[in-house]
């Protein structure tokens, strides 16, 4: 299967993360998407698309070295896929597992599981 469309969505996701663009996050996430991870206090969180996009858009500054890497893309069906990516946001290196769904011919992220570690 051709992963070029998924790679394009991931690139926009990387750009949104680096540019603090809530609008670009809204573009790549499905309306039903959920984002899972731990907050700053270590509590498990479940953010909906709009909440997450607003959090990204409310951040300031992108004065850090950019790190974006696609570690793997696996198709799990004709209209579903999973990608593992690594990116830097501020002083944290995240490894994200992104689940994709294709609806009406368009790929979008339906779920995100994030894990971050501080930059050494």
N, C-alpha and C. Protein backbone atom coordinates (compact mmCIF):
# COMPACT_ATOMS: atom_id res chain seq x y z
N UNK A 1 0.85 -1.19 0.00
CA UNK A 1 0.00 0.00 0.00
C UNK A 1 0.88 1.24 0.00
N UNK A 2 0.38 2.28 -0.58
CA UNK A 2 1.12 3.54 -0.71
C UNK A 2 0.96 4.37 0.56
N UNK A 3 2.07 4.70 1.18
CA UNK A 3 2.03 5.47 2.43
C UNK A 3 2.20 6.97 2.22
N UNK A 4 2.25 7.44 0.99
CA UNK A 4 2.55 8.86 0.74
C UNK A 4 1.50 9.79 1.34
N UNK A 5 0.22 9.42 1.31
CA UNK A 5 -0.81 10.29 1.89
C UNK A 5 -0.69 10.36 3.40
N UNK A 6 -0.36 9.23 4.02
CA UNK A 6 -0.16 9.23 5.48
C UNK A 6 1.08 10.04 5.83
N UNK A 7 2.14 9.90 5.05
CA UNK A 7 3.36 10.69 5.28
C UNK A 7 3.06 12.19 5.19
N UNK A 8 2.19 12.59 4.28
CA UNK A 8 1.83 14.01 4.15
C UNK A 8 1.08 14.49 5.39
N UNK A 9 0.18 13.66 5.92
CA UNK A 9 -0.53 14.02 7.16
C UNK A 9 0.46 14.14 8.31
N UNK A 10 1.40 13.20 8.40
CA UNK A 10 2.41 13.25 9.46
C UNK A 10 3.26 14.51 9.34
N UNK A 11 3.62 14.90 8.12
CA UNK A 11 4.43 16.11 7.94
C UNK A 11 3.66 17.34 8.44
N UNK A 12 2.37 17.41 8.13
CA UNK A 12 1.56 18.52 8.63
C UNK A 12 1.49 18.48 10.15
N UNK A 13 1.39 17.29 10.72
CA UNK A 13 1.40 17.11 12.17
C UNK A 13 2.72 17.61 12.77
N UNK A 14 3.85 17.24 12.15
CA UNK A 14 5.14 17.74 12.60
C UNK A 14 5.18 19.27 12.54
N UNK A 15 4.73 19.83 11.42
CA UNK A 15 4.72 21.30 11.26
C UNK A 15 3.84 21.96 12.31
N UNK A 16 2.67 21.39 12.56
CA UNK A 16 1.75 21.95 13.56
C UNK A 16 2.40 21.95 14.94
N UNK A 17 3.11 20.87 15.26
CA UNK A 17 3.76 20.77 16.56
C UNK A 17 4.86 21.81 16.70
N UNK A 18 5.66 21.98 15.67
CA UNK A 18 6.77 22.93 15.74
C UNK A 18 6.29 24.38 15.70
N UNK A 19 5.25 24.63 14.91
CA UNK A 19 4.75 26.01 14.72
C UNK A 19 3.70 26.40 15.74
N UNK A 20 3.35 25.49 16.65
CA UNK A 20 2.30 25.76 17.63
C UNK A 20 0.99 26.15 16.93
N UNK A 21 0.64 25.39 15.91
CA UNK A 21 -0.54 25.72 15.10
C UNK A 21 -1.73 24.83 15.45
N UNK A 22 -2.66 25.40 16.20
CA UNK A 22 -3.90 24.69 16.49
C UNK A 22 -4.68 24.41 15.22
N UNK A 23 -4.64 25.33 14.25
CA UNK A 23 -5.37 25.13 13.00
C UNK A 23 -4.85 23.93 12.23
N UNK A 24 -3.53 23.76 12.17
CA UNK A 24 -2.98 22.60 11.47
C UNK A 24 -3.29 21.31 12.22
N UNK A 25 -3.34 21.37 13.55
CA UNK A 25 -3.73 20.18 14.32
C UNK A 25 -5.17 19.81 13.99
N UNK A 26 -6.04 20.80 13.89
CA UNK A 26 -7.43 20.52 13.54
C UNK A 26 -7.52 19.87 12.17
N UNK A 27 -6.61 20.24 11.29
CA UNK A 27 -6.59 19.71 9.92
C UNK A 27 -6.25 18.22 9.89
N UNK A 28 -5.32 17.77 10.73
CA UNK A 28 -4.84 16.39 10.65
C UNK A 28 -5.61 15.40 11.53
N UNK A 29 -6.31 15.90 12.55
CA UNK A 29 -7.05 15.00 13.43
C UNK A 29 -8.50 14.87 12.99
N UNK A 30 -9.00 13.66 13.04
CA UNK A 30 -10.40 13.38 12.77
C UNK A 30 -11.25 14.04 13.85
N UNK A 31 -12.48 14.42 13.52
CA UNK A 31 -13.35 15.08 14.50
C UNK A 31 -13.61 14.20 15.73
N UNK A 32 -13.54 12.88 15.57
CA UNK A 32 -13.78 11.96 16.68
C UNK A 32 -12.50 11.57 17.43
N UNK A 33 -11.39 12.20 17.10
CA UNK A 33 -10.09 11.81 17.65
C UNK A 33 -9.98 12.04 19.15
N UNK A 34 -9.15 11.19 19.75
CA UNK A 34 -8.76 11.34 21.16
C UNK A 34 -7.25 11.23 21.25
N UNK A 35 -6.70 11.98 22.20
CA UNK A 35 -5.27 12.01 22.44
C UNK A 35 -5.06 11.54 23.88
N UNK A 36 -4.21 10.54 24.05
CA UNK A 36 -3.99 9.94 25.37
C UNK A 36 -2.54 10.12 25.81
N UNK A 37 -2.37 10.42 27.08
CA UNK A 37 -1.03 10.56 27.64
C UNK A 37 -1.13 11.01 29.09
N UNK A 38 0.02 11.32 29.66
CA UNK A 38 0.07 11.80 31.03
C UNK A 38 0.28 13.31 31.04
N UNK A 39 -0.37 13.99 31.98
CA UNK A 39 -0.15 15.42 32.11
C UNK A 39 1.11 15.67 32.95
N UNK A 40 1.41 16.93 33.23
CA UNK A 40 2.62 17.29 33.97
C UNK A 40 2.69 16.70 35.37
N UNK A 41 1.54 16.33 35.92
CA UNK A 41 1.50 15.74 37.26
C UNK A 41 1.51 14.21 37.23
N UNK A 42 1.57 13.63 36.02
CA UNK A 42 1.62 12.18 35.88
C UNK A 42 0.26 11.51 35.79
N UNK A 43 -0.81 12.31 35.79
CA UNK A 43 -2.15 11.73 35.70
C UNK A 43 -2.47 11.40 34.24
N UNK A 44 -3.17 10.27 34.06
CA UNK A 44 -3.59 9.87 32.72
C UNK A 44 -4.63 10.85 32.20
N UNK A 45 -4.45 11.30 30.96
CA UNK A 45 -5.36 12.28 30.36
C UNK A 45 -5.93 11.73 29.06
N UNK A 46 -7.12 12.18 28.74
CA UNK A 46 -7.81 11.87 27.49
C UNK A 46 -8.33 13.19 26.95
N UNK A 47 -7.61 13.74 25.97
CA UNK A 47 -8.00 15.01 25.38
C UNK A 47 -8.78 14.78 24.09
N UNK A 48 -9.81 15.55 23.86
CA UNK A 48 -10.51 15.53 22.58
C UNK A 48 -9.77 16.45 21.62
N UNK A 49 -10.08 16.31 20.35
CA UNK A 49 -9.40 17.06 19.28
C UNK A 49 -9.34 18.56 19.57
N UNK A 50 -10.45 19.17 19.86
CA UNK A 50 -10.47 20.62 20.02
C UNK A 50 -9.67 21.07 21.23
N UNK A 51 -9.75 20.34 22.32
CA UNK A 51 -8.98 20.67 23.52
C UNK A 51 -7.49 20.60 23.22
N UNK A 52 -7.08 19.53 22.52
CA UNK A 52 -5.67 19.36 22.19
C UNK A 52 -5.20 20.46 21.23
N UNK A 53 -5.99 20.75 20.20
CA UNK A 53 -5.61 21.79 19.24
C UNK A 53 -5.47 23.14 19.93
N UNK A 54 -6.34 23.43 20.88
CA UNK A 54 -6.24 24.69 21.62
C UNK A 54 -4.98 24.72 22.48
N UNK A 55 -4.65 23.60 23.12
CA UNK A 55 -3.43 23.53 23.93
C UNK A 55 -2.20 23.81 23.06
N UNK A 56 -2.16 23.20 21.88
CA UNK A 56 -1.03 23.41 20.98
C UNK A 56 -0.97 24.86 20.54
N UNK A 57 -2.10 25.43 20.17
CA UNK A 57 -2.15 26.81 19.69
C UNK A 57 -1.84 27.84 20.76
N UNK A 58 -2.04 27.49 22.02
CA UNK A 58 -1.78 28.42 23.13
C UNK A 58 -0.30 28.49 23.51
N UNK A 59 0.51 27.56 23.00
CA UNK A 59 1.94 27.56 23.32
C UNK A 59 2.64 28.66 22.54
N UNK A 60 3.76 29.11 23.06
CA UNK A 60 4.53 30.13 22.37
C UNK A 60 5.96 29.65 22.15
N UNK A 61 6.56 30.15 21.11
CA UNK A 61 7.98 29.90 20.86
C UNK A 61 8.29 28.56 20.24
N UNK A 62 9.14 28.58 19.25
CA UNK A 62 9.65 27.36 18.62
C UNK A 62 11.15 27.50 18.45
N UNK A 63 11.80 28.04 19.47
CA UNK A 63 13.23 28.31 19.39
C UNK A 63 14.02 27.12 19.94
N UNK A 64 13.92 25.99 19.24
CA UNK A 64 14.66 24.80 19.63
C UNK A 64 14.95 24.01 18.36
N UNK A 65 15.96 23.16 18.39
CA UNK A 65 16.27 22.37 17.19
C UNK A 65 15.11 21.45 16.83
N UNK A 66 14.78 21.43 15.57
CA UNK A 66 13.66 20.60 15.12
C UNK A 66 14.11 19.15 14.99
N UNK A 67 13.29 18.24 15.49
CA UNK A 67 13.53 16.81 15.35
C UNK A 67 12.21 16.19 14.93
N UNK A 68 12.17 15.59 13.75
CA UNK A 68 10.99 14.90 13.24
C UNK A 68 11.45 13.61 12.58
N UNK A 69 10.89 12.50 13.02
CA UNK A 69 11.29 11.23 12.44
C UNK A 69 10.10 10.28 12.40
N UNK A 70 9.87 9.70 11.24
CA UNK A 70 8.87 8.64 11.11
C UNK A 70 9.61 7.33 11.36
N UNK A 71 9.24 6.64 12.43
CA UNK A 71 9.90 5.39 12.80
C UNK A 71 9.29 4.20 12.09
N UNK A 72 7.98 4.22 11.87
CA UNK A 72 7.31 3.10 11.21
C UNK A 72 5.91 3.50 10.78
N UNK A 73 5.46 2.93 9.68
CA UNK A 73 4.07 3.02 9.24
C UNK A 73 3.63 1.61 8.88
N UNK A 74 2.55 1.16 9.49
CA UNK A 74 2.00 -0.17 9.21
C UNK A 74 0.53 -0.04 8.86
N UNK A 75 0.16 -0.61 7.73
CA UNK A 75 -1.25 -0.66 7.35
C UNK A 75 -1.89 -1.84 8.08
N UNK A 76 -3.00 -1.57 8.74
CA UNK A 76 -3.71 -2.62 9.47
C UNK A 76 -4.97 -3.03 8.74
N UNK A 77 -5.25 -2.37 7.64
CA UNK A 77 -6.41 -2.66 6.81
C UNK A 77 -6.39 -1.70 5.64
N UNK A 78 -7.40 -1.79 4.80
CA UNK A 78 -7.47 -0.91 3.62
C UNK A 78 -7.65 0.55 4.01
N UNK A 79 -8.33 0.80 5.12
CA UNK A 79 -8.64 2.16 5.55
C UNK A 79 -8.12 2.49 6.94
N UNK A 80 -7.15 1.72 7.41
CA UNK A 80 -6.59 1.96 8.74
C UNK A 80 -5.08 1.73 8.70
N UNK A 81 -4.39 2.47 9.55
CA UNK A 81 -2.93 2.35 9.64
C UNK A 81 -2.48 2.86 11.00
N UNK A 82 -1.26 2.48 11.36
CA UNK A 82 -0.64 2.94 12.60
C UNK A 82 0.77 3.43 12.26
N UNK A 83 1.14 4.56 12.83
CA UNK A 83 2.49 5.09 12.64
C UNK A 83 3.11 5.38 14.00
N UNK A 84 4.40 5.17 14.07
CA UNK A 84 5.17 5.54 15.26
C UNK A 84 6.11 6.64 14.83
N UNK A 85 6.07 7.77 15.53
CA UNK A 85 6.88 8.93 15.15
C UNK A 85 7.60 9.47 16.38
N UNK A 86 8.69 10.20 16.10
CA UNK A 86 9.45 10.86 17.16
C UNK A 86 9.57 12.32 16.78
N UNK A 87 9.36 13.20 17.76
CA UNK A 87 9.48 14.63 17.51
C UNK A 87 9.87 15.35 18.79
N UNK A 88 10.45 16.50 18.58
CA UNK A 88 10.82 17.35 19.72
C UNK A 88 9.84 18.51 19.79
N UNK A 89 9.35 18.76 21.00
CA UNK A 89 8.52 19.94 21.28
C UNK A 89 9.12 20.58 22.52
N UNK A 90 9.72 21.74 22.33
CA UNK A 90 10.40 22.40 23.44
C UNK A 90 11.56 21.56 23.94
N UNK A 91 11.53 21.26 25.24
CA UNK A 91 12.59 20.47 25.86
C UNK A 91 12.19 19.01 26.08
N UNK A 92 11.23 18.53 25.30
CA UNK A 92 10.76 17.15 25.45
C UNK A 92 10.84 16.44 24.09
N UNK A 93 11.36 15.22 24.12
CA UNK A 93 11.34 14.34 22.95
C UNK A 93 10.15 13.40 23.13
N UNK A 94 9.21 13.46 22.20
CA UNK A 94 8.02 12.62 22.25
C UNK A 94 8.15 11.46 21.28
N UNK A 95 7.68 10.31 21.70
CA UNK A 95 7.42 9.20 20.80
C UNK A 95 5.91 9.01 20.82
N UNK A 96 5.31 9.19 19.66
CA UNK A 96 3.86 9.11 19.53
C UNK A 96 3.46 7.92 18.69
N UNK A 97 2.39 7.28 19.08
CA UNK A 97 1.76 6.25 18.26
C UNK A 97 0.48 6.87 17.72
N UNK A 98 0.42 7.01 16.39
CA UNK A 98 -0.70 7.65 15.73
C UNK A 98 -1.51 6.60 14.99
N UNK A 99 -2.80 6.52 15.28
CA UNK A 99 -3.69 5.62 14.55
C UNK A 99 -4.43 6.44 13.50
N UNK A 100 -4.46 5.90 12.29
CA UNK A 100 -5.06 6.60 11.15
C UNK A 100 -6.30 5.87 10.67
N UNK A 101 -7.24 6.67 10.15
CA UNK A 101 -8.42 6.13 9.51
C UNK A 101 -8.67 6.92 8.22
N UNK A 102 -9.12 6.21 7.19
CA UNK A 102 -9.45 6.89 5.94
C UNK A 102 -10.97 6.90 5.81
N UNK A 103 -11.52 8.11 5.72
CA UNK A 103 -12.95 8.30 5.57
C UNK A 103 -13.17 9.18 4.34
N UNK A 104 -14.03 8.72 3.44
CA UNK A 104 -14.30 9.45 2.19
C UNK A 104 -13.02 9.77 1.44
N UNK A 105 -12.06 8.85 1.46
CA UNK A 105 -10.82 8.99 0.72
C UNK A 105 -9.76 9.86 1.37
N UNK A 106 -10.03 10.35 2.59
CA UNK A 106 -9.08 11.24 3.27
C UNK A 106 -8.57 10.59 4.55
N UNK A 107 -7.23 10.54 4.68
CA UNK A 107 -6.60 10.01 5.89
C UNK A 107 -6.55 11.07 6.98
N UNK A 108 -6.82 10.66 8.21
CA UNK A 108 -6.68 11.55 9.37
C UNK A 108 -6.30 10.72 10.58
N UNK A 109 -5.82 11.40 11.60
CA UNK A 109 -5.43 10.74 12.85
C UNK A 109 -6.68 10.58 13.71
N UNK A 110 -6.97 9.35 14.10
CA UNK A 110 -8.15 9.07 14.92
C UNK A 110 -7.77 8.92 16.40
N UNK A 111 -6.50 8.56 16.67
CA UNK A 111 -6.04 8.53 18.06
C UNK A 111 -4.53 8.73 18.11
N UNK A 112 -4.12 9.27 19.24
CA UNK A 112 -2.69 9.52 19.49
C UNK A 112 -2.39 9.08 20.92
N UNK A 113 -1.32 8.30 21.05
CA UNK A 113 -0.78 7.93 22.36
C UNK A 113 0.59 8.54 22.45
N UNK A 114 0.80 9.38 23.45
CA UNK A 114 2.08 10.10 23.53
C UNK A 114 2.85 9.71 24.77
N UNK A 115 4.16 9.78 24.61
CA UNK A 115 5.08 9.55 25.73
C UNK A 115 6.28 10.46 25.51
N UNK A 116 6.64 11.21 26.52
CA UNK A 116 7.74 12.15 26.36
C UNK A 116 8.80 12.01 27.43
N UNK A 117 10.04 12.33 27.04
CA UNK A 117 11.15 12.35 27.99
C UNK A 117 11.90 13.67 27.80
N UNK A 118 12.39 14.25 28.88
CA UNK A 118 13.13 15.50 28.75
C UNK A 118 14.41 15.32 27.91
N UNK A 119 14.77 16.38 27.21
CA UNK A 119 16.00 16.38 26.41
C UNK A 119 17.17 16.32 27.39
N UNK A 120 18.16 15.50 27.07
CA UNK A 120 19.37 15.39 27.92
C UNK A 120 20.21 16.64 27.80
